């Protein structure tokens, strides 16, 4: 059976101003195309996520946390897509994935969650650069991949061209390793080399064309790692 990939669903307003949970279609499509089965991971607490400020959210109860972990246990890998806010339960999902050594791919905000795990929280920094980091174009700027990293072994390239849709970036990698950076020094990818697959990227590989070889390799290796995890359960 193909590995089940949990996608962290994001609280959002739709065009009718209804409160919903969403994930962009390309995330689902890349999982299916790469040989996985997508499954949404929702919060197990009832909260007014979209109206409340993050500090106003109630702390998860032991039962809510237990139910969240049970949902995670159904998965063989987790993808955290990008979003403009990061909620406490999303950090708990990453913590649980790390404890289980479950493959995790953090995209944009998902990478920023990785940075703050098990270390002092550091706020993101607003981009100030001559490089465009907020664009609707498919390919915007160059990213340098550090050799001898897991990411480099996956992409097998020293440099790639990526899209860019973020206004803020992490100041430092925390306990993770920097494995890619833009020419202006902004961190573009981090990883935990001690895990089966624990990589975060600042760009949006799911939004690149379906024939983009770097996205093919990244999602493909993530799914292969999820297969290994599933087999070893």
Protein backbone atom coordinates (compact mmCIF):
# COMPACT_ATOMS: atom_id res chain seq x y z
CA UNK A 1 0.00 0.00 0.00
CA UNK A 2 1.20 3.50 -0.79
CA UNK A 3 2.31 5.69 2.14
CA UNK A 4 -0.26 8.00 3.70
CA UNK A 5 0.90 11.60 3.72
CA UNK A 6 -0.67 13.95 6.23
CA UNK A 7 -1.15 17.53 5.04
CA UNK A 8 -1.49 20.11 7.80
CA UNK A 9 -4.73 21.96 7.01
CA UNK A 10 -4.78 25.73 7.44
CA UNK A 11 -7.65 27.79 8.97
CA UNK A 12 -8.81 30.32 6.40
CA UNK A 13 -11.64 32.51 5.07
CA UNK A 14 -13.07 31.56 1.67
CA UNK A 15 -14.45 33.98 -0.93
CA UNK A 16 -17.85 33.94 0.82
CA UNK A 17 -16.14 34.84 4.11
CA UNK A 18 -16.89 31.39 5.53
CA UNK A 19 -14.37 29.90 7.93
CA UNK A 20 -12.82 26.82 6.35
CA UNK A 21 -9.71 24.65 6.41
CA UNK A 22 -7.74 24.55 3.21
CA UNK A 23 -4.75 23.18 1.39
CA UNK A 24 -3.75 24.18 -2.12
CA UNK A 25 -4.47 21.63 -4.85
CA UNK A 26 -0.85 21.28 -6.05
CA UNK A 27 0.22 19.81 -2.69
CA UNK A 28 -2.34 17.03 -3.09
CA UNK A 29 -1.43 16.53 -6.74
CA UNK A 30 2.31 16.26 -6.07
CA UNK A 31 1.67 13.65 -3.37
CA UNK A 32 -0.51 11.57 -5.69
CA UNK A 33 1.85 12.02 -8.64
CA UNK A 34 4.79 10.91 -6.50
CA UNK A 35 3.06 7.76 -5.24
CA UNK A 36 1.49 8.79 -1.94
CA UNK A 37 -2.03 8.98 -0.53
CA UNK A 38 -2.97 12.46 0.79
CA UNK A 39 -4.83 12.88 4.07
CA UNK A 40 -5.69 16.13 5.84
CA UNK A 41 -4.61 16.71 9.43
CA UNK A 42 -7.01 19.06 11.21
CA UNK A 43 -6.85 20.64 14.68
CA UNK A 44 -8.44 18.52 17.38
CA UNK A 45 -9.47 21.57 19.39
CA UNK A 46 -12.45 23.79 18.64
CA UNK A 47 -11.04 27.29 18.36
CA UNK A 48 -11.70 30.58 16.62
CA UNK A 49 -8.38 30.42 14.82
CA UNK A 50 -9.07 33.04 12.17
CA UNK A 51 -10.38 35.78 14.49
CA UNK A 52 -8.18 35.35 17.55
CA UNK A 53 -4.60 36.48 17.85
CA UNK A 54 -2.16 33.61 18.41
CA UNK A 55 -1.49 34.45 22.10
CA UNK A 56 -5.28 34.42 22.74
CA UNK A 57 -5.71 30.79 21.68
CA UNK A 58 -6.48 28.31 24.43
CA UNK A 59 -3.76 25.82 25.30
CA UNK A 60 -4.47 22.32 24.00
CA UNK A 61 -5.93 19.97 26.60
CA UNK A 62 -4.35 16.54 27.18
CA UNK A 63 -7.28 14.93 25.35
CA UNK A 64 -6.95 17.29 22.37
CA UNK A 65 -3.22 16.61 22.21
CA UNK A 66 -3.77 12.84 22.45
CA UNK A 67 -6.30 12.97 19.61
CA UNK A 68 -3.90 15.02 17.48
CA UNK A 69 -1.14 12.48 18.02
CA UNK A 70 -3.50 9.66 17.05
CA UNK A 71 -4.23 11.46 13.77
CA UNK A 72 -0.48 11.84 13.15
CA UNK A 73 0.05 8.14 13.86
CA UNK A 74 -2.16 7.32 10.87
CA UNK A 75 0.44 8.93 8.60
CA UNK A 76 3.74 7.82 7.14
CA UNK A 77 4.93 11.35 6.39
CA UNK A 78 3.80 14.94 6.90
CA UNK A 79 3.85 18.05 4.73
CA UNK A 80 3.31 21.47 6.30
CA UNK A 81 2.41 23.94 3.52
CA UNK A 82 3.12 27.64 3.70
CA UNK A 83 0.76 30.05 5.50
CA UNK A 84 0.76 33.54 6.93
CA UNK A 85 0.25 32.37 10.51
CA UNK A 86 1.72 29.54 12.56
CA UNK A 87 -0.55 27.92 15.14
CA UNK A 88 0.52 26.05 18.30
CA UNK A 89 -0.97 22.73 17.14
CA UNK A 90 1.16 22.92 13.96
CA UNK A 91 4.30 23.08 16.09
CA UNK A 92 2.98 20.10 18.07
CA UNK A 93 2.58 18.18 14.82
CA UNK A 94 6.23 18.83 13.96
CA UNK A 95 7.32 17.86 17.46
CA UNK A 96 5.46 14.56 17.19
CA UNK A 97 6.90 13.86 13.73
CA UNK A 98 10.40 14.40 15.11
CA UNK A 99 9.76 12.09 18.06
CA UNK A 100 8.60 9.37 15.64
CA UNK A 101 11.35 10.05 13.09
CA UNK A 102 8.51 10.44 10.58
CA UNK A 103 9.43 12.12 7.27
CA UNK A 104 8.55 15.82 7.32
CA UNK A 105 8.65 18.37 4.53
CA UNK A 106 8.18 21.96 5.67
CA UNK A 107 7.32 24.53 3.01
CA UNK A 108 7.76 28.26 3.72
CA UNK A 109 5.99 28.60 7.11
CA UNK A 110 6.58 24.88 7.60
CA UNK A 111 10.32 25.54 7.47
CA UNK A 112 9.94 28.36 9.98
CA UNK A 113 8.25 25.94 12.40
CA UNK A 114 11.29 23.67 12.10
CA UNK A 115 13.65 26.49 13.02
CA UNK A 116 11.96 27.19 16.37
CA UNK A 117 11.75 23.57 17.51
CA UNK A 118 13.54 22.76 20.80
CA UNK A 119 15.34 26.11 20.89
CA UNK A 120 14.79 29.74 21.79
CA UNK A 121 12.07 31.36 19.66
CA UNK A 122 13.41 34.03 17.32
CA UNK A 123 10.97 36.23 15.33
CA UNK A 124 11.21 36.23 11.56
CA UNK A 125 12.86 39.19 9.86
CA UNK A 126 11.22 41.31 7.15
CA UNK A 127 12.95 40.95 3.80
CA UNK A 128 15.16 43.87 2.79
CA UNK A 129 17.01 42.88 -0.35
CA UNK A 130 17.65 43.74 -3.97
CA UNK A 131 16.34 40.25 -4.76
CA UNK A 132 12.60 39.87 -5.25
CA UNK A 133 11.22 37.47 -2.64
CA UNK A 134 7.54 38.10 -3.32
CA UNK A 135 6.52 37.30 -6.88
CA UNK A 136 3.87 35.40 -8.81
CA UNK A 137 6.41 34.26 -11.39
CA UNK A 138 7.39 30.58 -11.62
CA UNK A 139 11.12 31.27 -11.51
CA UNK A 140 12.47 34.31 -9.67
CA UNK A 141 15.94 33.92 -8.18
CA UNK A 142 18.86 31.58 -7.68
CA UNK A 143 19.37 29.37 -4.64
CA UNK A 144 22.76 27.91 -3.71
CA UNK A 145 22.67 24.35 -2.36
CA UNK A 146 25.32 23.37 0.17
CA UNK A 147 27.32 20.28 -0.74
CA UNK A 148 27.32 17.22 1.51
CA UNK A 149 23.75 18.00 2.58
CA UNK A 150 20.74 15.73 2.17
CA UNK A 151 19.12 18.35 -0.04
CA UNK A 152 22.16 18.42 -2.32
CA UNK A 153 22.09 14.62 -2.63
CA UNK A 154 18.41 14.82 -3.62
CA UNK A 155 18.72 17.62 -6.17
CA UNK A 156 22.29 16.78 -7.27
CA UNK A 157 22.88 20.45 -8.10
CA UNK A 158 24.90 23.32 -6.64
CA UNK A 159 22.43 25.97 -7.82
CA UNK A 160 18.76 26.01 -8.77
CA UNK A 161 16.20 28.65 -9.73
CA UNK A 162 13.08 28.84 -7.56
CA UNK A 163 9.90 30.83 -7.09
CA UNK A 164 9.58 33.16 -4.10
CA UNK A 165 6.47 34.17 -2.14
CA UNK A 166 7.52 35.36 1.28
CA UNK A 167 7.92 38.75 2.95
CA UNK A 168 9.80 37.45 6.00
CA UNK A 169 12.64 35.00 6.57
CA UNK A 170 14.29 33.21 9.49
CA UNK A 171 17.24 34.98 11.12
CA UNK A 172 19.21 31.80 11.79
CA UNK A 173 18.62 28.04 11.55
CA UNK A 174 18.32 27.34 15.29
CA UNK A 175 19.45 23.74 15.84
CA UNK A 176 19.07 22.83 12.16
CA UNK A 177 21.68 22.98 9.41
CA UNK A 178 21.52 25.64 6.70
CA UNK A 179 21.55 23.73 3.40
CA UNK A 180 20.57 26.45 0.91
CA UNK A 181 20.68 30.23 0.70
CA UNK A 182 19.88 32.97 -1.80
CA UNK A 183 22.58 35.28 -3.15
CA UNK A 184 21.52 37.95 -0.65
CA UNK A 185 22.23 35.55 2.22
CA UNK A 186 18.60 34.76 3.08
CA UNK A 187 18.24 31.16 4.28
CA UNK A 188 16.33 29.11 1.72
CA UNK A 189 16.49 25.60 3.20
CA UNK A 190 17.32 23.85 6.46
CA UNK A 191 17.45 20.21 7.49
CA UNK A 192 18.06 17.81 10.36
CA UNK A 193 20.52 15.28 9.00
CA UNK A 194 19.90 12.97 11.97
CA UNK A 195 16.35 12.23 10.81
CA UNK A 196 15.03 9.96 8.06
CA UNK A 197 13.76 13.00 6.13
CA UNK A 198 13.46 16.38 7.84
CA UNK A 199 13.82 19.18 5.33
CA UNK A 200 12.36 22.67 5.13
CA UNK A 201 12.43 24.93 2.08
CA UNK A 202 11.50 28.60 1.87
CA UNK A 203 10.31 28.43 -1.73
CA UNK A 204 7.17 26.66 -2.96
CA UNK A 205 8.15 23.50 -4.87
CA UNK A 206 4.47 22.51 -5.16
CA UNK A 207 3.76 25.63 -7.25
CA UNK A 208 6.47 25.03 -9.83
CA UNK A 209 5.59 23.37 -13.17
CA UNK A 210 4.92 19.63 -13.03
CA UNK A 211 8.01 18.99 -15.17
CA UNK A 212 10.32 20.87 -12.79
CA UNK A 213 12.97 18.24 -12.06
CA UNK A 214 13.90 19.71 -8.69
CA UNK A 215 10.32 19.45 -7.41
CA UNK A 216 10.06 15.96 -8.89
CA UNK A 217 13.19 14.90 -7.03
CA UNK A 218 12.21 16.57 -3.75
CA UNK A 219 8.69 15.16 -3.54
CA UNK A 220 9.87 11.84 -4.93
CA UNK A 221 12.54 11.41 -2.25
CA UNK A 222 10.07 12.48 0.44
CA UNK A 223 7.62 9.78 -0.66
CA UNK A 224 10.41 7.17 -0.85
CA UNK A 225 11.36 8.06 2.73
CA UNK A 226 7.70 7.69 3.75
CA UNK A 227 7.73 4.22 2.19
CA UNK A 228 10.78 3.32 4.27
CA UNK A 229 9.08 4.67 7.39
CA UNK A 230 5.91 2.71 6.62
CA UNK A 231 7.85 -0.51 6.08
CA UNK A 232 9.67 -0.12 9.37
CA UNK A 233 6.59 0.53 11.52
